[in-house]
Amino acid sequence: MPTPLVLIFQLISVLKTSYLIISDNGCGFSKTTLANARDANHLGLYGMQERVELLNGSFEIESTIGQGTIIKISIPLKMEC
């Protein structure tokens, strides 16, 4: 029986930054696969990255074939008084 897919979403705000961590235990992918997806206009993850960068945030993908993927996003919060 295959292992069930588990998705975990964590949203944390600390001081002036919000962090979003999305992880799964899926099949994962290689950096080459990610680059090929961009070349083929499959831009889902790149669209996410562009939106994060428009908010002066950072976007990081860690993926291991057979182990899953972790996406780490941090976005600075604007504090107005």
C-alpha atoms as a PDB file:
ATOM      1  CA  MET A   1       0.000   0.000   0.000  1.00  0.00           C
ATOM      2  CA  PRO A   2       1.457   3.422  -0.940  1.00  0.00           C
ATOM      3  CA  THR A   3       2.296   5.951   1.764  1.00  0.00           C
ATOM      4  CA  PRO A   4      -0.422   8.624   2.073  1.00  0.00           C
ATOM      5  CA  LEU A   5       0.579  12.108   0.987  1.00  0.00           C
ATOM      6  CA  VAL A   6       0.945  14.507   3.913  1.00  0.00           C
ATOM      7  CA  LEU A   7       0.928  18.286   3.412  1.00  0.00           C
ATOM      8  CA  ILE A   8       1.944  20.647   6.198  1.00  0.00           C
ATOM      9  CA  PHE A   9       1.352  24.399   6.141  1.00  0.00           C
ATOM     10  CA  GLN A  10       2.908  26.602   8.810  1.00  0.00           C
ATOM     11  CA  LEU A  11       2.357  30.360   9.047  1.00  0.00           C
ATOM     12  CA  ILE A  12       4.403  32.176  11.655  1.00  0.00           C
ATOM     13  CA  SER A  13       4.785  35.914  12.282  1.00  0.00           C
ATOM     14  CA  VAL A  14       7.790  37.065  14.275  1.00  0.00           C
ATOM     15  CA  LEU A  15       8.435  40.748  14.869  1.00  0.00           C
ATOM     16  CA  LYS A  16       8.290  42.345  11.424  1.00  0.00           C
ATOM     17  CA  THR A  17       8.353  39.211   9.231  1.00  0.00           C
ATOM     18  CA  SER A  18       5.851  36.516   8.291  1.00  0.00           C
ATOM     19  CA  TYR A  19       7.073  33.045   7.389  1.00  0.00           C
ATOM     20  CA  LEU A  20       5.166  30.438   5.410  1.00  0.00           C
ATOM     21  CA  ILE A  21       6.529  26.908   5.223  1.00  0.00           C
ATOM     22  CA  ILE A  22       4.822  24.368   2.974  1.00  0.00           C
ATOM     23  CA  SER A  23       6.089  20.801   3.025  1.00  0.00           C
ATOM     24  CA  ASP A  24       5.040  17.416   1.735  1.00  0.00           C
ATOM     25  CA  ASN A  25       6.274  13.852   1.683  1.00  0.00           C
ATOM     26  CA  GLY A  26       5.612  13.447  -2.044  1.00  0.00           C
ATOM     27  CA  CYS A  27       7.921  12.195  -4.754  1.00  0.00           C
ATOM     28  CA  GLY A  28      10.030  15.386  -4.911  1.00  0.00           C
ATOM     29  CA  PHE A  29      11.841  16.626  -8.010  1.00  0.00           C
ATOM     30  CA  SER A  30      15.305  17.594  -9.221  1.00  0.00           C
ATOM     31  CA  LYS A  31      16.584  21.072 -10.045  1.00  0.00           C
ATOM     32  CA  THR A  32      16.692  19.984 -13.684  1.00  0.00           C
ATOM     33  CA  THR A  33      12.984  19.116 -13.581  1.00  0.00           C
ATOM     34  CA  LEU A  34      12.240  22.541 -12.123  1.00  0.00           C
ATOM     35  CA  ALA A  35      14.269  24.298 -14.831  1.00  0.00           C
ATOM     36  CA  ASN A  36      12.581  22.233 -17.565  1.00  0.00           C
ATOM     37  CA  ALA A  37       9.152  23.163 -16.185  1.00  0.00           C
ATOM     38  CA  ARG A  38      10.020  26.850 -16.511  1.00  0.00           C
ATOM     39  CA  ASP A  39      11.239  26.358 -20.068  1.00  0.00           C
ATOM     40  CA  ALA A  40       7.928  24.633 -20.900  1.00  0.00           C
ATOM     41  CA  ASN A  41       5.926  27.541 -19.389  1.00  0.00           C
ATOM     42  CA  HIS A  42       4.743  25.516 -16.384  1.00  0.00           C
ATOM     43  CA  LEU A  43       5.259  28.508 -14.147  1.00  0.00           C
ATOM     44  CA  GLY A  44       3.354  27.733 -10.926  1.00  0.00           C
ATOM     45  CA  LEU A  45       6.326  27.814  -8.558  1.00  0.00           C
ATOM     46  CA  TYR A  46       7.998  30.625 -10.472  1.00  0.00           C
ATOM     47  CA  GLY A  47       4.777  32.660 -10.285  1.00  0.00           C
ATOM     48  CA  MET A  48       4.791  32.177  -6.522  1.00  0.00           C
ATOM     49  CA  GLN A  49       8.427  33.276  -6.374  1.00  0.00           C
ATOM     50  CA  GLU A  50       7.761  36.414  -8.428  1.00  0.00           C
ATOM     51  CA  ARG A  51       4.871  37.442  -6.174  1.00  0.00           C
ATOM     52  CA  VAL A  52       6.958  36.937  -3.043  1.00  0.00           C
ATOM     53  CA  GLU A  53       9.799  38.987  -4.507  1.00  0.00           C
ATOM     54  CA  LEU A  54       7.360  41.809  -5.384  1.00  0.00           C
ATOM     55  CA  LEU A  55       6.691  41.983  -1.628  1.00  0.00           C
ATOM     56  CA  ASN A  56      10.463  42.159  -0.920  1.00  0.00           C
ATOM     57  CA  GLY A  57      10.370  38.624   0.421  1.00  0.00           C
ATOM     58  CA  SER A  58      12.467  35.526  -0.057  1.00  0.00           C
ATOM     59  CA  PHE A  59      11.477  32.212  -1.629  1.00  0.00           C
ATOM     60  CA  GLU A  60      13.373  28.938  -1.297  1.00  0.00           C
ATOM     61  CA  ILE A  61      12.620  25.454  -2.599  1.00  0.00           C
ATOM     62  CA  GLU A  62      14.223  22.295  -1.219  1.00  0.00           C
ATOM     63  CA  SER A  63      13.245  19.059  -2.925  1.00  0.00           C
ATOM     64  CA  THR A  64      14.661  15.557  -2.783  1.00  0.00           C
ATOM     65  CA  ILE A  65      13.529  12.831  -5.136  1.00  0.00           C
ATOM     66  CA  GLY A  66      11.661  10.206  -3.156  1.00  0.00           C
ATOM     67  CA  GLN A  67      11.421  12.351  -0.018  1.00  0.00           C
ATOM     68  CA  GLY A  68       9.296  15.396  -0.804  1.00  0.00           C
ATOM     69  CA  THR A  69       9.504  19.154  -1.062  1.00  0.00           C
ATOM     70  CA  ILE A  70       9.744  22.122   1.296  1.00  0.00           C
ATOM     71  CA  ILE A  71       8.922  25.670   0.199  1.00  0.00           C
ATOM     72  CA  LYS A  72      10.080  28.438   2.542  1.00  0.00           C
ATOM     73  CA  ILE A  73       8.717  31.951   2.143  1.00  0.00           C
ATOM     74  CA  SER A  74       9.429  35.019   4.252  1.00  0.00           C
ATOM     75  CA  ILE A  75       7.789  38.375   3.743  1.00  0.00           C
ATOM     76  CA  PRO A  76       8.567  41.546   5.683  1.00  0.00           C
ATOM     77  CA  LEU A  77       5.536  43.172   7.270  1.00  0.00           C
ATOM     78  CA  LYS A  78       4.939  46.878   6.913  1.00  0.00           C
ATOM     79  CA  MET A  79       4.187  48.392  10.286  1.00  0.00           C
ATOM     80  CA  GLU A  80       2.233  51.637  10.053  1.00  0.00           C
ATOM     81  CA  CYS A  81       1.099  53.660  13.052  1.00  0.00           C
END
